[in-house]
Amino acid sequence: MSGVWVFKNGVVRLVENPGGEVVEGSRQGSSVRRNNKVLIHTPTDEAITSYAVLERKLYSLGWERYYDDPDLLQFHKRSTVHLISLPKDFNKFKPMHMYDIVVKNKNVFQVRDM
């Protein structure tokens, strides 16, 4: 059993597909995606809109491309044991990937609602 525990109106429930949750007032079976997220480079207040932009920012912080897995875009920082693994397709870049970057680069990136 996987998902996200949601507390709403005094009730806790498990939502198995939080991105596909049906919002009140929407048609039965249709899903409305709420809280779209964007990764922000905080020193420049620039939104990360592509892997090319992200790669330039990570390189400037000492991250290097890691070519071990052809299905992933990976970055490694020599001075740490950290590895950032991202899907090859930027359209599959999800908030969990964004938060991984934020945790491994404190005070440099943040995730904001669009």
PDB file of N, CA and C in Angstrom:
ATOM      1  N   MET A   1       0.854  -1.167   0.000  1.00  0.00           N
ATOM      2  CA  MET A   1       0.000   0.000   0.000  1.00  0.00           C
ATOM      3  C   MET A   1       0.898   1.227   0.000  1.00  0.00           C
ATOM      4  N   SER A   2       0.735   2.075  -1.022  1.00  0.00           N
ATOM      5  CA  SER A   2       1.518   3.296  -1.086  1.00  0.00           C
ATOM      6  C   SER A   2       0.597   4.456  -1.395  1.00  0.00           C
ATOM      7  N   GLY A   3       1.051   5.630  -1.100  1.00  0.00           N
ATOM      8  CA  GLY A   3       0.262   6.825  -1.347  1.00  0.00           C
ATOM      9  C   GLY A   3       0.633   7.916  -0.381  1.00  0.00           C
ATOM     10  N   VAL A   4      -0.284   8.848  -0.205  1.00  0.00           N
ATOM     11  CA  VAL A   4      -0.061   9.985   0.665  1.00  0.00           C
ATOM     12  C   VAL A   4      -1.220  10.089   1.640  1.00  0.00           C
ATOM     13  N   TRP A   5      -0.910  10.284   2.915  1.00  0.00           N
ATOM     14  CA  TRP A   5      -1.947  10.496   3.910  1.00  0.00           C
ATOM     15  C   TRP A   5      -2.384  11.950   3.850  1.00  0.00           C
ATOM     16  N   VAL A   6      -3.696  12.172   3.723  1.00  0.00           N
ATOM     17  CA  VAL A   6      -4.254  13.508   3.607  1.00  0.00           C
ATOM     18  C   VAL A   6      -5.177  13.764   4.785  1.00  0.00           C
ATOM     19  N   PHE A   7      -4.997  14.909   5.444  1.00  0.00           N
ATOM     20  CA  PHE A   7      -5.842  15.329   6.548  1.00  0.00           C
ATOM     21  C   PHE A   7      -6.745  16.435   6.038  1.00  0.00           C
ATOM     22  N   LYS A   8      -8.065  16.181   6.025  1.00  0.00           N
ATOM     23  CA  LYS A   8      -9.012  17.156   5.504  1.00  0.00           C
ATOM     24  C   LYS A   8     -10.303  17.085   6.315  1.00  0.00           C
ATOM     25  N   ASN A   9     -10.749  18.234   6.802  1.00  0.00           N
ATOM     26  CA  ASN A   9     -11.993  18.323   7.572  1.00  0.00           C
ATOM     27  C   ASN A   9     -12.006  17.364   8.764  1.00  0.00           C
ATOM     28  N   GLY A  10     -10.872  17.233   9.425  1.00  0.00           N
ATOM     29  CA  GLY A  10     -10.789  16.398  10.616  1.00  0.00           C
ATOM     30  C   GLY A  10     -10.690  14.913  10.339  1.00  0.00           C
ATOM     31  N   VAL A  11     -10.529  14.520   9.081  1.00  0.00           N
ATOM     32  CA  VAL A  11     -10.460  13.108   8.710  1.00  0.00           C
ATOM     33  C   VAL A  11      -9.140  12.840   8.006  1.00  0.00           C
ATOM     34  N   VAL A  12      -8.486  11.746   8.386  1.00  0.00           N
ATOM     35  CA  VAL A  12      -7.253  11.332   7.732  1.00  0.00           C
ATOM     36  C   VAL A  12      -7.585  10.172   6.808  1.00  0.00           C
ATOM     37  N   ARG A  13      -7.104  10.270   5.555  1.00  0.00           N
ATOM     38  CA  ARG A  13      -7.336   9.176   4.616  1.00  0.00           C
ATOM     39  C   ARG A  13      -6.115   9.002   3.731  1.00  0.00           C
ATOM     40  N   LEU A  14      -5.977   7.805   3.186  1.00  0.00           N
ATOM     41  CA  LEU A  14      -4.861   7.497   2.299  1.00  0.00           C
ATOM     42  C   LEU A  14      -5.296   7.736   0.865  1.00  0.00           C
ATOM     43  N   VAL A  15      -4.554   8.600   0.157  1.00  0.00           N
ATOM     44  CA  VAL A  15      -4.810   8.857  -1.254  1.00  0.00           C
ATOM     45  C   VAL A  15      -3.733   8.115  -2.027  1.00  0.00           C
ATOM     46  N   GLU A  16      -4.138   7.117  -2.823  1.00  0.00           N
ATOM     47  CA  GLU A  16      -3.161   6.288  -3.521  1.00  0.00           C
ATOM     48  C   GLU A  16      -2.576   6.961  -4.745  1.00  0.00           C
ATOM     49  N   ASN A  17      -3.283   7.899  -5.356  1.00  0.00           N
ATOM     50  CA  ASN A  17      -2.791   8.605  -6.540  1.00  0.00           C
ATOM     51  C   ASN A  17      -3.012  10.093  -6.328  1.00  0.00           C
ATOM     52  N   PRO A  18      -2.153  10.748  -5.503  1.00  0.00           N
ATOM     53  CA  PRO A  18      -2.413  12.141  -5.153  1.00  0.00           C
ATOM     54  C   PRO A  18      -2.430  13.089  -6.340  1.00  0.00           C
ATOM     55  N   GLY A  19      -1.700  12.807  -7.409  1.00  0.00           N
ATOM     56  CA  GLY A  19      -1.705  13.659  -8.580  1.00  0.00           C
ATOM     57  C   GLY A  19      -2.973  13.522  -9.400  1.00  0.00           C
ATOM     58  N   GLY A  20      -3.696  12.416  -9.231  1.00  0.00           N
ATOM     59  CA  GLY A  20      -4.888  12.182 -10.024  1.00  0.00           C
ATOM     60  C   GLY A  20      -6.161  12.261  -9.213  1.00  0.00           C
ATOM     61  N   GLU A  21      -6.094  12.891  -8.063  1.00  0.00           N
ATOM     62  CA  GLU A  21      -7.252  12.987  -7.191  1.00  0.00           C
ATOM     63  C   GLU A  21      -8.345  13.833  -7.840  1.00  0.00           C
ATOM     64  N   VAL A  22      -9.584  13.376  -7.714  1.00  0.00           N
ATOM     65  CA  VAL A  22     -10.715  14.114  -8.260  1.00  0.00           C
ATOM     66  C   VAL A  22     -11.064  15.230  -7.293  1.00  0.00           C
ATOM     67  N   VAL A  23     -11.166  16.433  -7.792  1.00  0.00           N
ATOM     68  CA  VAL A  23     -11.447  17.599  -6.976  1.00  0.00           C
ATOM     69  C   VAL A  23     -12.952  17.810  -6.919  1.00  0.00           C
ATOM     70  N   GLU A  24     -13.439  18.247  -5.753  1.00  0.00           N
ATOM     71  CA  GLU A  24     -14.862  18.491  -5.591  1.00  0.00           C
ATOM     72  C   GLU A  24     -15.357  19.424  -6.682  1.00  0.00           C
ATOM     73  N   GLY A  25     -16.501  19.097  -7.238  1.00  0.00           N
ATOM     74  CA  GLY A  25     -17.086  19.933  -8.271  1.00  0.00           C
ATOM     75  C   GLY A  25     -16.641  19.565  -9.676  1.00  0.00           C
ATOM     76  N   SER A  26     -15.668  18.666  -9.801  1.00  0.00           N
ATOM     77  CA  SER A  26     -15.242  18.265 -11.136  1.00  0.00           C
ATOM     78  C   SER A  26     -16.061  17.068 -11.587  1.00  0.00           C
ATOM     79  N   ARG A  27     -16.040  16.806 -12.894  1.00  0.00           N
ATOM     80  CA  ARG A  27     -16.801  15.678 -13.416  1.00  0.00           C
ATOM     81  C   ARG A  27     -16.262  14.372 -12.884  1.00  0.00           C
ATOM     82  N   GLN A  28     -17.156  13.399 -12.698  1.00  0.00           N
ATOM     83  CA  GLN A  28     -16.787  12.069 -12.212  1.00  0.00           C
ATOM     84  C   GLN A  28     -15.723  11.464 -13.131  1.00  0.00           C
ATOM     85  N   GLY A  29     -14.633  10.987 -12.559  1.00  0.00           N
ATOM     86  CA  GLY A  29     -13.611  10.302 -13.333  1.00  0.00           C
ATOM     87  C   GLY A  29     -12.557  11.217 -13.940  1.00  0.00           C
ATOM     88  N   SER A  30     -12.814  12.499 -14.010  1.00  0.00           N
ATOM     89  CA  SER A  30     -11.786  13.392 -14.543  1.00  0.00           C
ATOM     90  C   SER A  30     -10.860  13.790 -13.411  1.00  0.00           C
ATOM     91  N   SER A  31      -9.636  14.031 -13.734  1.00  0.00           N
ATOM     92  CA  SER A  31      -8.695  14.420 -12.690  1.00  0.00           C
ATOM     93  C   SER A  31      -8.209  15.838 -12.941  1.00  0.00           C
ATOM     94  N   VAL A  32      -8.034  16.571 -11.885  1.00  0.00           N
ATOM     95  CA  VAL A  32      -7.523  17.927 -11.960  1.00  0.00           C
ATOM     96  C   VAL A  32      -6.233  17.952 -11.177  1.00  0.00           C
ATOM     97  N   ARG A  33      -5.176  18.353 -11.819  1.00  0.00           N
ATOM     98  CA  ARG A  33      -3.885  18.403 -11.146  1.00  0.00           C
ATOM     99  C   ARG A  33      -3.744  19.756 -10.466  1.00  0.00           C
ATOM    100  N   ARG A  34      -3.535  19.709  -9.175  1.00  0.00           N
ATOM    101  CA  ARG A  34      -3.377  20.941  -8.413  1.00  0.00           C
ATOM    102  C   ARG A  34      -1.932  21.087  -7.978  1.00  0.00           C
ATOM    103  N   ASN A  35      -1.576  22.315  -7.618  1.00  0.00           N
ATOM    104  CA  ASN A  35      -0.259  22.598  -7.059  1.00  0.00           C
ATOM    105  C   ASN A  35       0.882  22.177  -7.985  1.00  0.00           C
ATOM    106  N   ASN A  36       0.856  22.643  -9.212  1.00  0.00           N
ATOM    107  CA  ASN A  36       1.996  22.409 -10.097  1.00  0.00           C
ATOM    108  C   ASN A  36       3.205  23.091  -9.480  1.00  0.00           C
ATOM    109  N   LYS A  37       4.318  22.432  -9.553  1.00  0.00           N
ATOM    110  CA  LYS A  37       5.543  22.919  -8.918  1.00  0.00           C
ATOM    111  C   LYS A  37       6.570  23.320  -9.957  1.00  0.00           C
ATOM    112  N   VAL A  38       7.447  24.215  -9.572  1.00  0.00           N
ATOM    113  CA  VAL A  38       8.549  24.630 -10.422  1.00  0.00           C
ATOM    114  C   VAL A  38       9.803  24.744  -9.552  1.00  0.00           C
ATOM    115  N   LEU A  39      10.942  24.334 -10.112  1.00  0.00           N
ATOM    116  CA  LEU A  39      12.221  24.439  -9.422  1.00  0.00           C
ATOM    117  C   LEU A  39      12.808  25.811  -9.718  1.00  0.00           C
ATOM    118  N   ILE A  40      13.206  26.513  -8.676  1.00  0.00           N
ATOM    119  CA  ILE A  40      13.750  27.873  -8.797  1.00  0.00           C
ATOM    120  C   ILE A  40      15.203  27.885  -8.338  1.00  0.00           C
ATOM    121  N   HIS A  41      16.059  28.517  -9.136  1.00  0.00           N
ATOM    122  CA  HIS A  41      17.446  28.769  -8.731  1.00  0.00           C
ATOM    123  C   HIS A  41      17.399  30.066  -7.940  1.00  0.00           C
ATOM    124  N   THR A  42      17.532  29.993  -6.618  1.00  0.00           N
ATOM    125  CA  THR A  42      17.280  31.153  -5.753  1.00  0.00           C
ATOM    126  C   THR A  42      18.247  32.322  -5.931  1.00  0.00           C
ATOM    127  N   PRO A  43      19.541  32.120  -6.190  1.00  0.00           N
ATOM    128  CA  PRO A  43      20.406  33.298  -6.363  1.00  0.00           C
ATOM    129  C   PRO A  43      19.984  34.201  -7.521  1.00  0.00           C
ATOM    130  N   THR A  44      19.423  33.608  -8.583  1.00  0.00           N
ATOM    131  CA  THR A  44      19.009  34.412  -9.737  1.00  0.00           C
ATOM    132  C   THR A  44      17.492  34.521  -9.848  1.00  0.00           C
ATOM    133  N   ASP A  45      16.767  33.812  -8.993  1.00  0.00           N
ATOM    134  CA  ASP A  45      15.301  33.753  -9.023  1.00  0.00           C
ATOM    135  C   ASP A  45      14.801  33.272 -10.391  1.00  0.00           C
ATOM    136  N   GLU A  46      15.570  32.371 -11.006  1.00  0.00           N
ATOM    137  CA  GLU A  46      15.262  31.848 -12.332  1.00  0.00           C
ATOM    138  C   GLU A  46      14.585  30.481 -12.233  1.00  0.00           C
ATOM    139  N   ALA A  47      13.503  30.311 -12.988  1.00  0.00           N
ATOM    140  CA  ALA A  47      12.828  29.021 -13.048  1.00  0.00           C
ATOM    141  C   ALA A  47      13.636  28.077 -13.928  1.00  0.00           C
ATOM    142  N   ILE A  48      13.742  26.828 -13.506  1.00  0.00           N
ATOM    143  CA  ILE A  48      14.431  25.816 -14.296  1.00  0.00           C
ATOM    144  C   ILE A  48      13.422  25.274 -15.297  1.00  0.00           C
ATOM    145  N   THR A  49      13.612  25.603 -16.569  1.00  0.00           N
ATOM    146  CA  THR A  49      12.648  25.252 -17.608  1.00  0.00           C
ATOM    147  C   THR A  49      13.126  24.142 -18.536  1.00  0.00           C
ATOM    148  N   SER A  50      14.377  23.710 -18.356  1.00  0.00           N
ATOM    149  CA  SER A  50      14.911  22.628 -19.183  1.00  0.00           C
ATOM    150  C   SER A  50      16.111  22.012 -18.470  1.00  0.00           C
ATOM    151  N   TYR A  51      16.501  20.844 -18.960  1.00  0.00           N
ATOM    152  CA  TYR A  51      17.691  20.210 -18.396  1.00  0.00           C
ATOM    153  C   TYR A  51      18.956  20.988 -18.756  1.00  0.00           C
ATOM    154  N   ALA A  52      18.963  21.686 -19.869  1.00  0.00           N
ATOM    155  CA  ALA A  52      20.135  22.482 -20.245  1.00  0.00           C
ATOM    156  C   ALA A  52      20.370  23.584 -19.207  1.00  0.00           C
ATOM    157  N   VAL A  53      19.303  24.235 -18.786  1.00  0.00           N
ATOM    158  CA  VAL A  53      19.411  25.286 -17.764  1.00  0.00           C
ATOM    159  C   VAL A  53      19.867  24.671 -16.445  1.00  0.00           C
ATOM    160  N   LEU A  54      19.237  23.559 -16.059  1.00  0.00           N
ATOM    161  CA  LEU A  54      19.593  22.887 -14.805  1.00  0.00           C
ATOM    162  C   LEU A  54      21.046  22.429 -14.822  1.00  0.00           C
ATOM    163  N   GLU A  55      21.473  21.862 -15.936  1.00  0.00           N
ATOM    164  CA  GLU A  55      22.842  21.358 -16.048  1.00  0.00           C
ATOM    165  C   GLU A  55      23.862  22.482 -15.857  1.00  0.00           C
ATOM    166  N   ARG A  56      23.619  23.659 -16.436  1.00  0.00           N
ATOM    167  CA  ARG A  56      24.538  24.801 -16.259  1.00  0.00           C
ATOM    168  C   ARG A  56      24.617  25.200 -14.784  1.00  0.00           C
ATOM    169  N   LYS A  57      23.471  25.224 -14.113  1.00  0.00           N
ATOM    170  CA  LYS A  57      23.455  25.610 -12.691  1.00  0.00           C
ATOM    171  C   LYS A  57      24.196  24.581 -11.850  1.00  0.00           C
ATOM    172  N   LEU A  58      23.960  23.300 -12.127  1.00  0.00           N
ATOM    173  CA  LEU A  58      24.627  22.247 -11.346  1.00  0.00           C
ATOM    174  C   LEU A  58      26.130  22.233 -11.604  1.00  0.00           C
ATOM    175  N   TYR A  59      26.550  22.426 -12.848  1.00  0.00           N
ATOM    176  CA  TYR A  59      27.986  22.497 -13.158  1.00  0.00           C
ATOM    177  C   TYR A  59      28.662  23.605 -12.374  1.00  0.00           C
ATOM    178  N   SER A  60      27.999  24.742 -12.260  1.00  0.00           N
ATOM    179  CA  SER A  60      28.594  25.870 -11.535  1.00  0.00           C
ATOM    180  C   SER A  60      28.730  25.571 -10.038  1.00  0.00           C
ATOM    181  N   LEU A  61      27.997  24.583  -9.553  1.00  0.00           N
ATOM    182  CA  LEU A  61      28.074  24.186  -8.142  1.00  0.00           C
ATOM    183  C   LEU A  61      29.016  23.005  -7.910  1.00  0.00           C
ATOM    184  N   GLY A  62      29.686  22.550  -8.980  1.00  0.00           N
ATOM    185  CA  GLY A  62      30.641  21.455  -8.835  1.00  0.00           C
ATOM    186  C   GLY A  62      30.093  20.079  -9.155  1.00  0.00           C
ATOM    187  N   TRP A  63      28.879  19.996  -9.664  1.00  0.00           N
ATOM    188  CA  TRP A  63      28.305  18.713 -10.063  1.00  0.00           C
ATOM    189  C   TRP A  63      28.833  18.332 -11.442  1.00  0.00           C
ATOM    190  N   GLU A  64      29.009  17.035 -11.663  1.00  0.00           N
ATOM    191  CA  GLU A  64      29.481  16.517 -12.937  1.00  0.00           C
ATOM    192  C   GLU A  64      28.490  15.489 -13.460  1.00  0.00           C
ATOM    193  N   ARG A  65      28.396  15.372 -14.787  1.00  0.00           N
ATOM    194  CA  ARG A  65      27.542  14.335 -15.369  1.00  0.00           C
ATOM    195  C   ARG A  65      28.129  12.972 -15.056  1.00  0.00           C
ATOM    196  N   TYR A  66      27.253  12.037 -14.809  1.00  0.00           N
ATOM    197  CA  TYR A  66      27.613  10.663 -14.490  1.00  0.00           C
ATOM    198  C   TYR A  66      26.913   9.802 -15.523  1.00  0.00           C
ATOM    199  N   TYR A  67      27.649   9.050 -16.313  1.00  0.00           N
ATOM    200  CA  TYR A  67      27.095   8.344 -17.471  1.00  0.00           C
ATOM    201  C   TYR A  67      26.914   6.849 -17.228  1.00  0.00           C
ATOM    202  N   ASP A  68      26.580   6.431 -16.027  1.00  0.00           N
ATOM    203  CA  ASP A  68      26.469   5.008 -15.710  1.00  0.00           C
ATOM    204  C   ASP A  68      25.194   4.379 -16.261  1.00  0.00           C
ATOM    205  N   ASP A  69      24.083   5.102 -16.294  1.00  0.00           N
ATOM    206  CA  ASP A  69      22.794   4.556 -16.707  1.00  0.00           C
ATOM    207  C   ASP A  69      22.273   5.333 -17.920  1.00  0.00           C
ATOM    208  N   PRO A  70      22.108   4.677 -19.066  1.00  0.00           N
ATOM    209  CA  PRO A  70      21.672   5.393 -20.267  1.00  0.00           C
ATOM    210  C   PRO A  70      20.220   5.889 -20.204  1.00  0.00           C
ATOM    211  N   ASP A  71      19.430   5.369 -19.279  1.00  0.00           N
ATOM    212  CA  ASP A  71      18.026   5.768 -19.174  1.00  0.00           C
ATOM    213  C   ASP A  71      17.811   6.951 -18.239  1.00  0.00           C
ATOM    214  N   LEU A  72      18.876   7.386 -17.580  1.00  0.00           N
ATOM    215  CA  LEU A  72      18.763   8.472 -16.618  1.00  0.00           C
ATOM    216  C   LEU A  72      19.768   9.574 -16.912  1.00  0.00           C
ATOM    217  N   LEU A  73      19.428  10.757 -16.484  1.00  0.00           N
ATOM    218  CA  LEU A  73      20.362  11.876 -16.481  1.00  0.00           C
ATOM    219  C   LEU A  73      20.862  11.962 -15.037  1.00  0.00           C
ATOM    220  N   GLN A  74      22.160  11.734 -14.834  1.00  0.00           N
ATOM    221  CA  GLN A  74      22.690  11.673 -13.479  1.00  0.00           C
ATOM    222  C   GLN A  74      23.831  12.663 -13.287  1.00  0.00           C
ATOM    223  N   PHE A  75      23.896  13.184 -12.062  1.00  0.00           N
ATOM    224  CA  PHE A  75      24.946  14.120 -11.677  1.00  0.00           C
ATOM    225  C   PHE A  75      25.562  13.653 -10.370  1.00  0.00           C
ATOM    226  N   HIS A  76      26.875  13.804 -10.258  1.00  0.00           N
ATOM    227  CA  HIS A  76      27.618  13.417  -9.062  1.00  0.00           C
ATOM    228  C   HIS A  76      28.526  14.567  -8.666  1.00  0.00           C
ATOM    229  N   LYS A  77      28.664  14.751  -7.362  1.00  0.00           N
ATOM    230  CA  LYS A  77      29.571  15.773  -6.848  1.00  0.00           C
ATOM    231  C   LYS A  77      30.716  15.048  -6.152  1.00  0.00           C
ATOM    232  N   ARG A  78      31.931  15.285  -6.602  1.00  0.00           N
ATOM    233  CA  ARG A  78      33.101  14.552  -6.094  1.00  0.00           C
ATOM    234  C   ARG A  78      33.279  14.649  -4.586  1.00  0.00           C
ATOM    235  N   SER A  79      32.990  15.791  -4.025  1.00  0.00           N
ATOM    236  CA  SER A  79      33.238  15.994  -2.596  1.00  0.00           C
ATOM    237  C   SER A  79      32.174  15.349  -1.713  1.00  0.00           C
ATOM    238  N   THR A  80      31.160  14.701  -2.319  1.00  0.00           N
ATOM    239  CA  THR A  80      30.082  14.080  -1.543  1.00  0.00           C
ATOM    240  C   THR A  80      29.792  12.686  -2.080  1.00  0.00           C
ATOM    241  N   VAL A  81      28.897  11.991  -1.401  1.00  0.00           N
ATOM    242  CA  VAL A  81      28.418  10.695  -1.889  1.00  0.00           C
ATOM    243  C   VAL A  81      27.098  10.866  -2.635  1.00  0.00           C
ATOM    244  N   HIS A  82      26.656  12.095  -2.812  1.00  0.00           N
ATOM    245  CA  HIS A  82      25.355  12.368  -3.424  1.00  0.00           C
ATOM    246  C   HIS A  82      25.343  12.077  -4.923  1.00  0.00           C
ATOM    247  N   LEU A  83      24.209  11.571  -5.365  1.00  0.00           N
ATOM    248  CA  LEU A  83      23.955  11.332  -6.773  1.00  0.00           C
ATOM    249  C   LEU A  83      22.548  11.834  -7.071  1.00  0.00           C
ATOM    250  N   ILE A  84      22.403  12.659  -8.076  1.00  0.00           N
ATOM    251  CA  ILE A  84      21.093  13.141  -8.511  1.00  0.00           C
ATOM    252  C   ILE A  84      20.726  12.348  -9.754  1.00  0.00           C
ATOM    253  N   SER A  85      19.606  11.644  -9.712  1.00  0.00           N
ATOM    254  CA  SER A  85      19.130  10.851 -10.846  1.00  0.00           C
ATOM    255  C   SER A  85      17.807  11.411 -11.331  1.00  0.00           C
ATOM    256  N   LEU A  86      17.760  11.734 -12.613  1.00  0.00           N
ATOM    257  CA  LEU A  86      16.574  12.345 -13.210  1.00  0.00           C
ATOM    258  C   LEU A  86      16.147  11.552 -14.433  1.00  0.00           C
ATOM    259  N   PRO A  87      14.848  11.558 -14.755  1.00  0.00           N
ATOM    260  CA  PRO A  87      14.415  10.888 -15.987  1.00  0.00           C
ATOM    261  C   PRO A  87      14.972  11.622 -17.207  1.00  0.00           C
ATOM    262  N   LYS A  88      15.282  10.904 -18.276  1.00  0.00           N
ATOM    263  CA  LYS A  88      15.834  11.524 -19.497  1.00  0.00           C
ATOM    264  C   LYS A  88      14.898  12.584 -20.064  1.00  0.00           C
ATOM    265  N   ASP A  89      13.588  12.343 -19.978  1.00  0.00           N
ATOM    266  CA  ASP A  89      12.579  13.242 -20.535  1.00  0.00           C
ATOM    267  C   ASP A  89      12.223  14.315 -19.509  1.00  0.00           C
ATOM    268  N   PHE A  90      12.443  15.594 -19.842  1.00  0.00           N
ATOM    269  CA  PHE A  90      12.155  16.693 -18.915  1.00  0.00           C
ATOM    270  C   PHE A  90      10.673  16.749 -18.544  1.00  0.00           C
ATOM    271  N   ASN A  91       9.796  16.262 -19.421  1.00  0.00           N
ATOM    272  CA  ASN A  91       8.361  16.243 -19.111  1.00  0.00           C
ATOM    273  C   ASN A  91       8.028  15.302 -17.966  1.00  0.00           C
ATOM    274  N   LYS A  92       8.936  14.411 -17.621  1.00  0.00           N
ATOM    275  CA  LYS A  92       8.740  13.482 -16.505  1.00  0.00           C
ATOM    276  C   LYS A  92       9.451  13.958 -15.237  1.00  0.00           C
ATOM    277  N   PHE A  93       9.959  15.157 -15.267  1.00  0.00           N
ATOM    278  CA  PHE A  93      10.641  15.789 -14.124  1.00  0.00           C
ATOM    279  C   PHE A  93       9.573  16.184 -13.105  1.00  0.00           C
ATOM    280  N   LYS A  94       9.499  15.464 -12.003  1.00  0.00           N
ATOM    281  CA  LYS A  94       8.435  15.603 -11.007  1.00  0.00           C
ATOM    282  C   LYS A  94       8.933  16.321  -9.761  1.00  0.00           C
ATOM    283  N   PRO A  95       7.999  16.752  -8.892  1.00  0.00           N
ATOM    284  CA  PRO A  95       8.401  17.403  -7.643  1.00  0.00           C
ATOM    285  C   PRO A  95       9.366  16.577  -6.796  1.00  0.00           C
ATOM    286  N   MET A  96       9.250  15.253  -6.801  1.00  0.00           N
ATOM    287  CA  MET A  96      10.185  14.439  -6.006  1.00  0.00           C
ATOM    288  C   MET A  96      11.618  14.624  -6.497  1.00  0.00           C
ATOM    289  N   HIS A  97      11.801  14.807  -7.809  1.00  0.00           N
ATOM    290  CA  HIS A  97      13.135  15.065  -8.349  1.00  0.00           C
ATOM    291  C   HIS A  97      13.609  16.463  -7.944  1.00  0.00           C
ATOM    292  N   MET A  98      12.677  17.421  -7.967  1.00  0.00           N
ATOM    293  CA  MET A  98      13.004  18.794  -7.582  1.00  0.00           C
ATOM    294  C   MET A  98      13.459  18.855  -6.129  1.00  0.00           C
ATOM    295  N   TYR A  99      12.710  18.177  -5.245  1.00  0.00           N
ATOM    296  CA  TYR A  99      13.069  18.200  -3.825  1.00  0.00           C
ATOM    297  C   TYR A  99      14.400  17.497  -3.578  1.00  0.00           C
ATOM    298  N   ASP A 100      14.722  16.482  -4.368  1.00  0.00           N
ATOM    299  CA  ASP A 100      16.020  15.817  -4.248  1.00  0.00           C
ATOM    300  C   ASP A 100      17.139  16.810  -4.543  1.00  0.00           C
ATOM    301  N   ILE A 101      16.956  17.634  -5.559  1.00  0.00           N
ATOM    302  CA  ILE A 101      17.948  18.657  -5.907  1.00  0.00           C
ATOM    303  C   ILE A 101      18.048  19.705  -4.798  1.00  0.00           C
ATOM    304  N   VAL A 102      16.914  20.105  -4.243  1.00  0.00           N
ATOM    305  CA  VAL A 102      16.897  21.103  -3.166  1.00  0.00           C
ATOM    306  C   VAL A 102      17.656  20.584  -1.945  1.00  0.00           C
ATOM    307  N   VAL A 103      17.406  19.349  -1.552  1.00  0.00           N
ATOM    308  CA  VAL A 103      18.048  18.785  -0.363  1.00  0.00           C
ATOM    309  C   VAL A 103      19.566  18.692  -0.547  1.00  0.00           C
ATOM    310  N   LYS A 104      19.995  18.386  -1.750  1.00  0.00           N
ATOM    311  CA  LYS A 104      21.428  18.203  -2.006  1.00  0.00           C
ATOM    312  C   LYS A 104      22.151  19.505  -2.347  1.00  0.00           C
ATOM    313  N   ASN A 105      21.397  20.602  -2.437  1.00  0.00           N
ATOM    314  CA  ASN A 105      21.975  21.916  -2.736  1.00  0.00           C
ATOM    315  C   ASN A 105      21.290  22.968  -1.876  1.00  0.00           C
ATOM    316  N   LYS A 106      21.477  22.879  -0.609  1.00  0.00           N
ATOM    317  CA  LYS A 106      20.804  23.777   0.333  1.00  0.00           C
ATOM    318  C   LYS A 106      21.076  25.245  -0.001  1.00  0.00           C
ATOM    319  N   ASN A 107      20.041  26.057   0.106  1.00  0.00           N
ATOM    320  CA  ASN A 107      20.095  27.507  -0.108  1.00  0.00           C
ATOM    321  C   ASN A 107      20.392  27.913  -1.552  1.00  0.00           C
ATOM    322  N   VAL A 108      20.316  26.978  -2.505  1.00  0.00           N
ATOM    323  CA  VAL A 108      20.583  27.302  -3.892  1.00  0.00           C
ATOM    324  C   VAL A 108      19.329  27.113  -4.752  1.00  0.00           C
ATOM    325  N   PHE A 109      18.520  26.145  -4.392  1.00  0.00           N
ATOM    326  CA  PHE A 109      17.277  25.869  -5.129  1.00  0.00           C
ATOM    327  C   PHE A 109      16.123  25.809  -4.155  1.00  0.00           C
ATOM    328  N   GLN A 110      14.926  26.063  -4.673  1.00  0.00           N
ATOM    329  CA  GLN A 110      13.706  25.849  -3.902  1.00  0.00           C
ATOM    330  C   GLN A 110      12.593  25.479  -4.867  1.00  0.00           C
ATOM    331  N   VAL A 111      11.575  24.808  -4.329  1.00  0.00           N
ATOM    332  CA  VAL A 111      10.420  24.410  -5.116  1.00  0.00           C
ATOM    333  C   VAL A 111       9.287  25.345  -4.756  1.00  0.00           C
ATOM    334  N   ARG A 112       8.653  25.917  -5.786  1.00  0.00           N
ATOM    335  CA  ARG A 112       7.526  26.827  -5.582  1.00  0.00           C
ATOM    336  C   ARG A 112       6.320  26.346  -6.362  1.00  0.00           C
ATOM    337  N   ASP A 113       5.140  26.757  -5.897  1.00  0.00           N
ATOM    338  CA  ASP A 113       3.916  26.513  -6.639  1.00  0.00           C
ATOM    339  C   ASP A 113       3.878  27.453  -7.827  1.00  0.00           C
ATOM    340  N   MET A 114       3.349  26.963  -8.922  1.00  0.00           N
ATOM    341  CA  MET A 114       3.214  27.818 -10.122  1.00  0.00           C
ATOM    342  C   MET A 114       1.998  28.696 -10.007  1.00  0.00           C
TER     343      MET A 114
END
